[in-house]
Amino acid sequence: MRSLAPARLAVILAALLMAVPACDKGPARGEAAAKLAAGADTAAKATAEPAAAPGTPYGAGVKLAAATSIAEILGAPETFKGKTVRVEGMITDVCAQRGCWMELAGEAAGEKLRFKVDDGDMVFPVEAKGKYAVAEGVVAVNELTGDDARAYAEYQAKEAGKEFDPASVTDPMRIVRLDGVGAVLRDQK
């Protein structure tokens, strides 16, 4: 397998970081937590959740009353692209570096949707894994070529501290995520 020239890899990663933001800017988890404790962060300050739903609000909270299923979004992402939706699900993973994203599980096995915010805008605690989230955001759909998908997968593996086999990614990739506006986290549904 031919390796990508360093300049080409840099261009690909720069494009990916603009299309699929990672944890590369803003305060680190410790700094963000300190800001949150001091009341300077926007996390957990306000909610517009209908009917005063219980839980800890983040960002702008949740304003939409009706939820769209994760399966529905993943099944027809182009239908929802650019639209603001409310989703609900169990939190299966959280960004360990800056708390800038969380993954929500759908009803079917293997269904998941990433809820991503700009680093430092909201800081989700790693301890939120296993909790239930009601989240609102704009559906984003990003199409990656085979080379871009490989570079993205390599970057994700590096961020997670895992080995990466370039031969494991051969096809283009579609990334569907929710660009976060607000969320409410609670212990159970």
N, C-alpha and C. Protein backbone atom coordinates (compact mmCIF):
# COMPACT_ATOMS: atom_id res chain seq x y z
N MET A 1 0.86 -1.18 0.00
CA MET A 1 0.00 0.00 0.00
C MET A 1 0.89 1.23 0.00
N ARG A 2 0.60 2.15 -0.86
CA ARG A 2 1.38 3.38 -0.99
C ARG A 2 1.01 4.31 0.15
N SER A 3 2.01 4.92 0.76
CA SER A 3 1.71 5.84 1.85
C SER A 3 1.52 7.25 1.28
N LEU A 4 0.73 8.02 1.96
CA LEU A 4 0.46 9.39 1.53
C LEU A 4 1.66 10.27 1.85
N ALA A 5 2.00 11.14 0.92
CA ALA A 5 3.08 12.10 1.16
C ALA A 5 2.67 13.00 2.33
N PRO A 6 3.62 13.41 3.15
CA PRO A 6 3.28 14.24 4.31
C PRO A 6 2.48 15.50 3.95
N ALA A 7 2.80 16.15 2.84
CA ALA A 7 2.06 17.35 2.45
C ALA A 7 0.63 17.01 2.11
N ARG A 8 0.40 15.91 1.39
CA ARG A 8 -0.96 15.48 1.03
C ARG A 8 -1.74 15.13 2.29
N LEU A 9 -1.11 14.41 3.21
CA LEU A 9 -1.75 14.04 4.46
C LEU A 9 -2.14 15.28 5.25
N ALA A 10 -1.28 16.28 5.29
CA ALA A 10 -1.59 17.52 6.00
C ALA A 10 -2.79 18.22 5.39
N VAL A 11 -2.88 18.25 4.07
CA VAL A 11 -4.01 18.89 3.40
C VAL A 11 -5.30 18.13 3.71
N ILE A 12 -5.23 16.80 3.66
CA ILE A 12 -6.41 15.98 3.93
C ILE A 12 -6.87 16.20 5.37
N LEU A 13 -5.94 16.14 6.32
CA LEU A 13 -6.32 16.32 7.72
C LEU A 13 -6.89 17.71 7.97
N ALA A 14 -6.33 18.73 7.34
CA ALA A 14 -6.87 20.08 7.50
C ALA A 14 -8.30 20.14 7.00
N ALA A 15 -8.56 19.53 5.84
CA ALA A 15 -9.92 19.52 5.29
C ALA A 15 -10.86 18.75 6.20
N LEU A 16 -10.40 17.62 6.72
CA LEU A 16 -11.24 16.82 7.61
C LEU A 16 -11.55 17.56 8.90
N LEU A 17 -10.56 18.23 9.43
CA LEU A 17 -10.80 18.94 10.68
C LEU A 17 -11.80 20.07 10.51
N MET A 18 -11.83 20.66 9.32
CA MET A 18 -12.84 21.69 9.07
C MET A 18 -14.21 21.04 8.89
N ALA A 19 -14.27 19.91 8.22
CA ALA A 19 -15.55 19.24 7.94
C ALA A 19 -16.03 18.46 9.15
N VAL A 20 -15.13 17.84 9.89
CA VAL A 20 -15.47 17.01 11.03
C VAL A 20 -14.59 17.43 12.19
N PRO A 21 -14.99 18.46 12.92
CA PRO A 21 -14.15 19.00 13.97
C PRO A 21 -13.75 17.95 14.99
N ALA A 22 -12.52 17.99 15.40
CA ALA A 22 -12.01 17.10 16.43
C ALA A 22 -11.63 17.94 17.63
N CYS A 23 -10.94 17.35 18.55
CA CYS A 23 -10.57 18.02 19.78
C CYS A 23 -9.21 18.67 19.62
N ASP A 24 -9.14 19.73 18.85
CA ASP A 24 -7.84 20.33 18.58
C ASP A 24 -7.77 21.80 18.91
N LYS A 25 -8.77 22.32 19.55
CA LYS A 25 -8.73 23.73 19.91
C LYS A 25 -9.51 23.92 21.20
N GLY A 26 -9.46 25.08 21.74
CA GLY A 26 -10.22 25.35 22.96
C GLY A 26 -9.50 24.79 24.18
N PRO A 27 -10.06 24.99 25.32
CA PRO A 27 -9.39 24.57 26.54
C PRO A 27 -9.39 23.05 26.69
N ALA A 28 -8.38 22.52 27.32
CA ALA A 28 -8.33 21.09 27.63
C ALA A 28 -9.35 20.82 28.72
N ARG A 29 -9.64 19.54 28.96
CA ARG A 29 -10.67 19.15 29.92
C ARG A 29 -10.46 19.82 31.27
N GLY A 30 -9.25 19.86 31.79
CA GLY A 30 -9.01 20.47 33.10
C GLY A 30 -9.32 21.96 33.10
N GLU A 31 -8.92 22.65 32.03
CA GLU A 31 -9.19 24.09 31.93
C GLU A 31 -10.68 24.35 31.82
N ALA A 32 -11.36 23.54 30.99
CA ALA A 32 -12.79 23.72 30.79
C ALA A 32 -13.55 23.44 32.08
N ALA A 33 -13.12 22.41 32.81
CA ALA A 33 -13.79 22.09 34.07
C ALA A 33 -13.62 23.23 35.07
N ALA A 34 -12.44 23.83 35.08
CA ALA A 34 -12.21 24.96 35.99
C ALA A 34 -13.10 26.14 35.61
N LYS A 35 -13.24 26.40 34.30
CA LYS A 35 -14.11 27.48 33.86
C LYS A 35 -15.56 27.19 34.23
N LEU A 36 -15.97 25.93 34.08
CA LEU A 36 -17.34 25.55 34.41
C LEU A 36 -17.59 25.76 35.90
N ALA A 37 -16.63 25.32 36.71
CA ALA A 37 -16.79 25.47 38.15
C ALA A 37 -16.85 26.94 38.55
N ALA A 38 -16.14 27.78 37.80
CA ALA A 38 -16.13 29.21 38.09
C ALA A 38 -17.35 29.92 37.50
N GLY A 39 -18.15 29.19 36.73
CA GLY A 39 -19.35 29.79 36.15
C GLY A 39 -19.09 30.53 34.86
N ALA A 40 -17.89 30.38 34.26
CA ALA A 40 -17.55 31.12 33.04
C ALA A 40 -17.91 30.36 31.78
N ASP A 41 -18.23 29.07 31.88
CA ASP A 41 -18.57 28.27 30.71
C ASP A 41 -20.07 28.34 30.46
N THR A 42 -20.49 28.07 29.22
CA THR A 42 -21.92 28.11 28.90
C THR A 42 -22.63 26.84 29.29
N ALA A 43 -21.88 25.78 29.58
CA ALA A 43 -22.50 24.50 29.92
C ALA A 43 -23.32 24.63 31.19
N ALA A 44 -24.43 23.95 31.20
CA ALA A 44 -25.28 23.82 32.37
C ALA A 44 -25.80 25.15 32.91
N LYS A 45 -26.00 26.14 32.05
CA LYS A 45 -26.48 27.42 32.54
C LYS A 45 -27.96 27.66 32.26
N ALA A 46 -28.45 27.17 31.14
CA ALA A 46 -29.84 27.49 30.81
C ALA A 46 -30.48 26.34 30.07
N THR A 47 -31.78 26.24 30.17
CA THR A 47 -32.53 25.24 29.41
C THR A 47 -33.85 25.83 28.97
N ALA A 48 -34.28 25.35 27.83
CA ALA A 48 -35.60 25.74 27.35
C ALA A 48 -36.38 24.46 27.10
N GLU A 49 -36.03 23.39 27.80
CA GLU A 49 -36.65 22.08 27.67
C GLU A 49 -38.15 22.20 27.96
N PRO A 50 -39.00 21.76 27.05
CA PRO A 50 -40.43 21.80 27.29
C PRO A 50 -40.80 21.00 28.54
N ALA A 51 -41.77 21.44 29.26
CA ALA A 51 -42.32 20.77 30.42
C ALA A 51 -41.27 20.49 31.50
N ALA A 52 -40.27 21.33 31.60
CA ALA A 52 -39.26 21.25 32.64
C ALA A 52 -38.74 19.83 32.87
N ALA A 53 -38.20 19.24 31.83
CA ALA A 53 -37.66 17.89 31.94
C ALA A 53 -36.53 17.87 32.95
N PRO A 54 -36.45 16.79 33.73
CA PRO A 54 -35.39 16.70 34.72
C PRO A 54 -34.04 16.46 34.06
N GLY A 55 -32.99 16.84 34.74
CA GLY A 55 -31.66 16.58 34.23
C GLY A 55 -30.79 17.82 34.28
N THR A 56 -29.55 17.66 33.83
CA THR A 56 -28.59 18.75 33.80
C THR A 56 -28.54 19.34 32.40
N PRO A 57 -28.90 20.62 32.26
CA PRO A 57 -28.88 21.24 30.93
C PRO A 57 -27.48 21.68 30.52
N TYR A 58 -27.22 21.64 29.22
CA TYR A 58 -25.96 22.10 28.62
C TYR A 58 -26.29 23.01 27.46
N GLY A 59 -25.51 24.05 27.27
CA GLY A 59 -25.72 24.96 26.15
C GLY A 59 -27.08 25.62 26.23
N ALA A 60 -27.77 25.66 25.11
CA ALA A 60 -29.09 26.30 25.03
C ALA A 60 -30.20 25.40 25.50
N GLY A 61 -29.88 24.21 26.00
CA GLY A 61 -30.91 23.27 26.40
C GLY A 61 -31.61 22.72 25.17
N VAL A 62 -32.83 22.24 25.35
CA VAL A 62 -33.59 21.64 24.26
C VAL A 62 -34.94 22.32 24.17
N LYS A 63 -35.26 22.82 22.98
CA LYS A 63 -36.51 23.56 22.78
C LYS A 63 -37.56 22.75 22.04
N LEU A 64 -37.15 21.87 21.14
CA LEU A 64 -38.12 21.10 20.36
C LEU A 64 -38.83 20.08 21.25
N ALA A 65 -40.14 19.95 21.08
CA ALA A 65 -40.92 19.04 21.91
C ALA A 65 -40.87 17.61 21.39
N ALA A 66 -40.82 17.42 20.08
CA ALA A 66 -40.87 16.07 19.50
C ALA A 66 -39.47 15.61 19.09
N ALA A 67 -39.17 14.36 19.40
CA ALA A 67 -37.88 13.77 19.05
C ALA A 67 -37.97 13.05 17.71
N THR A 68 -36.87 13.05 16.99
CA THR A 68 -36.70 12.28 15.77
C THR A 68 -35.81 11.10 16.14
N SER A 69 -36.15 9.90 15.68
CA SER A 69 -35.34 8.75 16.06
C SER A 69 -33.99 8.78 15.34
N ILE A 70 -33.00 8.25 16.00
CA ILE A 70 -31.67 8.16 15.41
C ILE A 70 -31.72 7.30 14.17
N ALA A 71 -32.51 6.24 14.19
CA ALA A 71 -32.66 5.36 13.03
C ALA A 71 -33.21 6.11 11.82
N GLU A 72 -34.16 6.98 12.06
CA GLU A 72 -34.75 7.77 10.97
C GLU A 72 -33.70 8.70 10.35
N ILE A 73 -32.89 9.33 11.17
CA ILE A 73 -31.85 10.24 10.67
C ILE A 73 -30.79 9.46 9.90
N LEU A 74 -30.32 8.35 10.47
CA LEU A 74 -29.28 7.55 9.81
C LEU A 74 -29.81 6.88 8.54
N GLY A 75 -31.11 6.58 8.50
CA GLY A 75 -31.71 5.94 7.33
C GLY A 75 -31.88 6.86 6.14
N ALA A 76 -32.04 8.15 6.38
CA ALA A 76 -32.24 9.13 5.30
C ALA A 76 -31.58 10.44 5.68
N PRO A 77 -30.26 10.45 5.84
CA PRO A 77 -29.59 11.66 6.33
C PRO A 77 -29.78 12.88 5.43
N GLU A 78 -29.88 12.70 4.13
CA GLU A 78 -30.05 13.84 3.22
C GLU A 78 -31.38 14.57 3.49
N THR A 79 -32.38 13.83 3.95
CA THR A 79 -33.68 14.43 4.28
C THR A 79 -33.56 15.41 5.44
N PHE A 80 -32.65 15.12 6.35
CA PHE A 80 -32.50 15.92 7.56
C PHE A 80 -31.34 16.91 7.51
N LYS A 81 -30.50 16.80 6.50
CA LYS A 81 -29.29 17.63 6.41
C LYS A 81 -29.66 19.12 6.54
N GLY A 82 -28.99 19.79 7.49
CA GLY A 82 -29.22 21.22 7.70
C GLY A 82 -30.42 21.54 8.57
N LYS A 83 -31.16 20.54 9.00
CA LYS A 83 -32.35 20.77 9.83
C LYS A 83 -32.03 20.56 11.30
N THR A 84 -32.69 21.34 12.14
CA THR A 84 -32.53 21.19 13.58
C THR A 84 -33.49 20.11 14.06
N VAL A 85 -32.95 19.14 14.80
CA VAL A 85 -33.76 18.03 15.31
C VAL A 85 -33.45 17.80 16.78
N ARG A 86 -34.35 17.09 17.41
CA ARG A 86 -34.17 16.62 18.80
C ARG A 86 -34.03 15.11 18.73
N VAL A 87 -33.02 14.58 19.39
CA VAL A 87 -32.84 13.13 19.48
C VAL A 87 -32.69 12.76 20.95
N GLU A 88 -32.93 11.48 21.23
CA GLU A 88 -32.77 10.97 22.58
C GLU A 88 -32.07 9.63 22.52
N GLY A 89 -31.24 9.36 23.52
CA GLY A 89 -30.58 8.06 23.57
C GLY A 89 -29.60 7.94 24.72
N MET A 90 -29.17 6.71 24.92
CA MET A 90 -28.18 6.40 25.94
C MET A 90 -26.81 6.86 25.44
N ILE A 91 -26.05 7.47 26.32
CA ILE A 91 -24.70 7.94 25.97
C ILE A 91 -23.75 6.75 26.04
N THR A 92 -23.12 6.43 24.89
CA THR A 92 -22.22 5.28 24.83
C THR A 92 -20.75 5.69 24.90
N ASP A 93 -20.44 6.94 24.58
CA ASP A 93 -19.05 7.39 24.62
C ASP A 93 -19.02 8.91 24.73
N VAL A 94 -17.94 9.43 25.30
CA VAL A 94 -17.74 10.87 25.47
C VAL A 94 -16.28 11.17 25.16
N CYS A 95 -16.02 12.31 24.55
CA CYS A 95 -14.66 12.74 24.27
C CYS A 95 -13.88 12.83 25.58
N ALA A 96 -12.80 12.06 25.67
CA ALA A 96 -12.00 12.05 26.89
C ALA A 96 -11.05 13.23 26.98
N GLN A 97 -10.79 13.91 25.85
CA GLN A 97 -9.84 15.02 25.86
C GLN A 97 -10.46 16.33 26.33
N ARG A 98 -11.58 16.71 25.72
CA ARG A 98 -12.17 18.01 26.02
C ARG A 98 -13.68 17.97 26.26
N GLY A 99 -14.26 16.79 26.23
CA GLY A 99 -15.70 16.68 26.48
C GLY A 99 -16.53 17.34 25.40
N CYS A 100 -16.00 17.41 24.16
CA CYS A 100 -16.66 18.17 23.10
C CYS A 100 -17.63 17.35 22.25
N TRP A 101 -17.77 16.06 22.51
CA TRP A 101 -18.74 15.25 21.80
C TRP A 101 -19.19 14.10 22.69
N MET A 102 -20.35 13.58 22.33
CA MET A 102 -20.84 12.36 22.96
C MET A 102 -21.56 11.56 21.88
N GLU A 103 -21.54 10.24 22.02
CA GLU A 103 -22.24 9.39 21.07
C GLU A 103 -23.48 8.85 21.75
N LEU A 104 -24.60 8.93 21.01
CA LEU A 104 -25.88 8.46 21.52
C LEU A 104 -26.28 7.20 20.77
N ALA A 105 -26.76 6.21 21.50
CA ALA A 105 -27.20 4.95 20.90
C ALA A 105 -28.64 5.07 20.43
N GLY A 106 -28.90 4.46 19.27
CA GLY A 106 -30.26 4.37 18.76
C GLY A 106 -30.92 3.13 19.35
N GLU A 107 -32.11 2.80 18.85
CA GLU A 107 -32.84 1.64 19.35
C GLU A 107 -32.23 0.32 18.89
N ALA A 108 -31.71 0.27 17.66
CA ALA A 108 -31.15 -0.97 17.11
C ALA A 108 -29.67 -1.11 17.49
N ALA A 109 -29.21 -2.34 17.57
CA ALA A 109 -27.81 -2.60 17.90
C ALA A 109 -26.90 -1.95 16.86
N GLY A 110 -25.86 -1.27 17.34
CA GLY A 110 -24.89 -0.65 16.45
C GLY A 110 -25.26 0.74 15.95
N GLU A 111 -26.48 1.17 16.18
CA GLU A 111 -26.91 2.52 15.77
C GLU A 111 -26.34 3.53 16.74
N LYS A 112 -25.66 4.54 16.20
CA LYS A 112 -25.17 5.60 17.07
C LYS A 112 -25.03 6.87 16.26
N LEU A 113 -25.18 7.98 16.95
CA LEU A 113 -25.08 9.31 16.33
C LEU A 113 -24.21 10.17 17.23
N ARG A 114 -23.22 10.80 16.64
CA ARG A 114 -22.33 11.67 17.41
C ARG A 114 -22.94 13.06 17.51
N PHE A 115 -22.94 13.61 18.71
CA PHE A 115 -23.40 14.96 19.02
C PHE A 115 -22.13 15.75 19.30
N LYS A 116 -21.78 16.68 18.40
CA LYS A 116 -20.50 17.41 18.46
C LYS A 116 -20.75 18.89 18.69
N VAL A 117 -19.92 19.47 19.57
CA VAL A 117 -19.96 20.91 19.81
C VAL A 117 -18.56 21.47 19.63
N ASP A 118 -18.45 22.78 19.45
CA ASP A 118 -17.13 23.41 19.39
C ASP A 118 -16.45 23.23 20.74
N ASP A 119 -15.16 22.95 20.70
CA ASP A 119 -14.41 22.73 21.93
C ASP A 119 -14.61 23.90 22.90
N GLY A 120 -14.99 23.56 24.12
CA GLY A 120 -15.17 24.57 25.15
C GLY A 120 -16.56 25.16 25.24
N ASP A 121 -17.39 25.01 24.19
CA ASP A 121 -18.76 25.56 24.24
C ASP A 121 -19.60 24.85 25.29
N MET A 122 -19.55 23.53 25.28
CA MET A 122 -20.18 22.69 26.27
C MET A 122 -19.14 21.63 26.61
N VAL A 123 -19.09 21.21 27.85
CA VAL A 123 -18.13 20.20 28.25
C VAL A 123 -18.90 19.05 28.89
N PHE A 124 -18.95 17.92 28.17
CA PHE A 124 -19.67 16.75 28.67
C PHE A 124 -18.71 15.90 29.51
N PRO A 125 -19.09 15.54 30.71
CA PRO A 125 -18.20 14.74 31.56
C PRO A 125 -18.10 13.31 31.06
N VAL A 126 -16.91 12.73 31.18
CA VAL A 126 -16.70 11.33 30.79
C VAL A 126 -17.65 10.43 31.59
N GLU A 127 -17.97 10.83 32.79
CA GLU A 127 -18.87 10.06 33.66
C GLU A 127 -20.30 9.99 33.11
N ALA A 128 -20.58 10.73 32.03
CA ALA A 128 -21.92 10.71 31.45
C ALA A 128 -22.21 9.41 30.69
N LYS A 129 -21.17 8.62 30.40
CA LYS A 129 -21.38 7.32 29.74
C LYS A 129 -22.38 6.52 30.56
N GLY A 130 -23.38 5.99 29.88
CA GLY A 130 -24.41 5.21 30.55
C GLY A 130 -25.61 6.03 30.97
N LYS A 131 -25.50 7.35 30.89
CA LYS A 131 -26.64 8.21 31.21
C LYS A 131 -27.49 8.40 29.96
N TYR A 132 -28.61 9.04 30.11
CA TYR A 132 -29.55 9.28 29.03
C TYR A 132 -29.46 10.75 28.62
N ALA A 133 -29.48 11.00 27.31
CA ALA A 133 -29.39 12.38 26.83
C ALA A 133 -30.56 12.72 25.92
N VAL A 134 -31.03 13.94 26.07
CA VAL A 134 -31.97 14.56 25.14
C VAL A 134 -31.14 15.67 24.53
N ALA A 135 -30.97 15.62 23.20
CA ALA A 135 -30.06 16.57 22.56
C ALA A 135 -30.70 17.22 21.35
N GLU A 136 -30.33 18.47 21.10
CA GLU A 136 -30.86 19.21 19.96
C GLU A 136 -29.69 19.79 19.17
N GLY A 137 -29.78 19.66 17.84
CA GLY A 137 -28.72 20.19 17.00
C GLY A 137 -29.09 20.11 15.53
N VAL A 138 -28.15 20.51 14.69
CA VAL A 138 -28.34 20.54 13.25
C VAL A 138 -27.65 19.32 12.63
N VAL A 139 -28.39 18.59 11.80
CA VAL A 139 -27.84 17.39 11.16
C VAL A 139 -26.81 17.80 10.10
N ALA A 140 -25.62 17.22 10.19
CA ALA A 140 -24.54 17.46 9.23
C ALA A 140 -24.20 16.14 8.55
N VAL A 141 -23.98 16.19 7.23
CA VAL A 141 -23.61 15.01 6.47
C VAL A 141 -22.33 15.34 5.71
N ASN A 142 -21.27 14.57 5.94
CA ASN A 142 -19.99 14.80 5.28
C ASN A 142 -19.59 13.55 4.51
N GLU A 143 -19.31 13.71 3.21
CA GLU A 143 -18.88 12.62 2.34
C GLU A 143 -17.36 12.67 2.22
N LEU A 144 -16.69 11.55 2.49
CA LEU A 144 -15.24 11.47 2.40
C LEU A 144 -14.84 10.49 1.30
N THR A 145 -13.84 10.84 0.52
CA THR A 145 -13.30 9.93 -0.50
C THR A 145 -12.57 8.80 0.23
N GLY A 146 -12.16 7.77 -0.49
CA GLY A 146 -11.42 6.67 0.11
C GLY A 146 -10.16 7.13 0.82
N ASP A 147 -9.36 7.99 0.16
CA ASP A 147 -8.14 8.51 0.78
C ASP A 147 -8.45 9.36 2.01
N ASP A 148 -9.48 10.19 1.90
CA ASP A 148 -9.86 11.03 3.03
C ASP A 148 -10.39 10.18 4.18
N ALA A 149 -11.16 9.14 3.86
CA ALA A 149 -11.69 8.24 4.88
C ALA A 149 -10.56 7.53 5.62
N ARG A 150 -9.53 7.11 4.87
CA ARG A 150 -8.37 6.45 5.47
C ARG A 150 -7.64 7.43 6.41
N ALA A 151 -7.44 8.66 5.95
CA ALA A 151 -6.76 9.66 6.78
C ALA A 151 -7.58 9.96 8.04
N TYR A 152 -8.89 10.05 7.89
CA TYR A 152 -9.77 10.32 9.03
C TYR A 152 -9.71 9.15 10.03
N ALA A 153 -9.78 7.92 9.52
CA ALA A 153 -9.73 6.75 10.40
C ALA A 153 -8.39 6.67 11.12
N GLU A 154 -7.31 7.02 10.42
CA GLU A 154 -5.99 7.03 11.03
C GLU A 154 -5.94 8.07 12.16
N TYR A 155 -6.49 9.24 11.90
CA TYR A 155 -6.53 10.29 12.91
C TYR A 155 -7.34 9.85 14.13
N GLN A 156 -8.51 9.24 13.88
CA GLN A 156 -9.36 8.78 14.98
C GLN A 156 -8.64 7.72 15.81
N ALA A 157 -7.93 6.79 15.14
CA ALA A 157 -7.19 5.76 15.85
C ALA A 157 -6.10 6.38 16.72
N LYS A 158 -5.40 7.36 16.16
CA LYS A 158 -4.33 8.03 16.91
C LYS A 158 -4.92 8.73 18.14
N GLU A 159 -6.04 9.42 17.98
CA GLU A 159 -6.68 10.11 19.10
C GLU A 159 -7.10 9.14 20.19
N ALA A 160 -7.50 7.92 19.78
CA ALA A 160 -7.95 6.91 20.76
C ALA A 160 -6.79 6.07 21.28
N GLY A 161 -5.57 6.31 20.77
CA GLY A 161 -4.41 5.55 21.20
C GLY A 161 -4.42 4.11 20.69
N LYS A 162 -5.00 3.90 19.52
CA LYS A 162 -5.11 2.55 18.95
C LYS A 162 -4.22 2.42 17.72
N GLU A 163 -3.86 1.18 17.41
CA GLU A 163 -3.11 0.90 16.19
C GLU A 163 -4.03 1.09 14.99
N PHE A 164 -3.44 1.47 13.85
CA PHE A 164 -4.24 1.67 12.64
C PHE A 164 -3.65 0.88 11.50
N ASP A 165 -4.50 0.14 10.79
CA ASP A 165 -4.11 -0.61 9.61
C ASP A 165 -4.73 0.09 8.40
N PRO A 166 -3.93 0.75 7.57
CA PRO A 166 -4.46 1.47 6.41
C PRO A 166 -5.29 0.59 5.47
N ALA A 167 -4.98 -0.69 5.42
CA ALA A 167 -5.72 -1.62 4.55
C ALA A 167 -7.15 -1.85 5.06
N SER A 168 -7.42 -1.46 6.30
CA SER A 168 -8.76 -1.68 6.86
C SER A 168 -9.79 -0.69 6.33
N VAL A 169 -9.34 0.38 5.69
CA VAL A 169 -10.26 1.39 5.15
C VAL A 169 -10.00 1.50 3.65
N THR A 170 -10.94 1.01 2.86
CA THR A 170 -10.75 1.01 1.41
C THR A 170 -11.84 1.78 0.67
N ASP A 171 -12.95 2.04 1.33
CA ASP A 171 -14.09 2.66 0.67
C ASP A 171 -14.31 4.09 1.14
N PRO A 172 -15.03 4.88 0.34
CA PRO A 172 -15.43 6.22 0.81
C PRO A 172 -16.29 6.07 2.08
N MET A 173 -16.44 7.15 2.78
CA MET A 173 -17.16 7.11 4.05
C MET A 173 -18.13 8.29 4.13
N ARG A 174 -19.27 8.05 4.73
CA ARG A 174 -20.24 9.11 5.01
C ARG A 174 -20.31 9.26 6.52
N ILE A 175 -20.13 10.49 6.97
CA ILE A 175 -20.22 10.77 8.40
C ILE A 175 -21.47 11.62 8.63
N VAL A 176 -22.36 11.09 9.46
CA VAL A 176 -23.58 11.81 9.84
C VAL A 176 -23.46 12.11 11.31
N ARG A 177 -23.64 13.37 11.67
CA ARG A 177 -23.55 13.76 13.08
C ARG A 177 -24.54 14.88 13.35
N LEU A 178 -24.66 15.22 14.61
CA LEU A 178 -25.51 16.32 15.04
C LEU A 178 -24.60 17.41 15.58
N ASP A 179 -24.61 18.58 14.94
CA ASP A 179 -23.84 19.72 15.43
C ASP A 179 -24.67 20.36 16.54
N GLY A 180 -24.19 20.23 17.76
CA GLY A 180 -24.98 20.53 18.94
C GLY A 180 -25.33 21.97 19.20
N VAL A 181 -26.55 22.15 19.68
CA VAL A 181 -27.07 23.44 20.15
C VAL A 181 -27.25 23.38 21.66
N GLY A 182 -27.82 22.28 22.13
CA GLY A 182 -28.05 22.12 23.57
C GLY A 182 -28.42 20.69 23.90
N ALA A 183 -28.35 20.36 25.17
CA ALA A 183 -28.66 19.01 25.61
C ALA A 183 -29.10 19.02 27.07
N VAL A 184 -29.77 17.95 27.46
CA VAL A 184 -30.11 17.72 28.85
C VAL A 184 -29.68 16.28 29.16
N LEU A 185 -28.85 16.09 30.18
CA LEU A 185 -28.39 14.76 30.57
C LEU A 185 -29.07 14.38 31.87
N ARG A 186 -29.48 13.12 31.93
CA ARG A 186 -30.11 12.62 33.16
C ARG A 186 -29.75 11.16 33.36
N ASP A 187 -30.06 10.64 34.53
CA ASP A 187 -29.68 9.27 34.88
C ASP A 187 -30.43 8.22 34.07
N GLN A 188 -31.67 8.45 33.75
CA GLN A 188 -32.46 7.47 33.01
C GLN A 188 -33.48 8.13 32.11
N LYS A 189 -34.07 7.33 31.25
CA LYS A 189 -35.03 7.83 30.27
C LYS A 189 -36.16 8.53 30.99
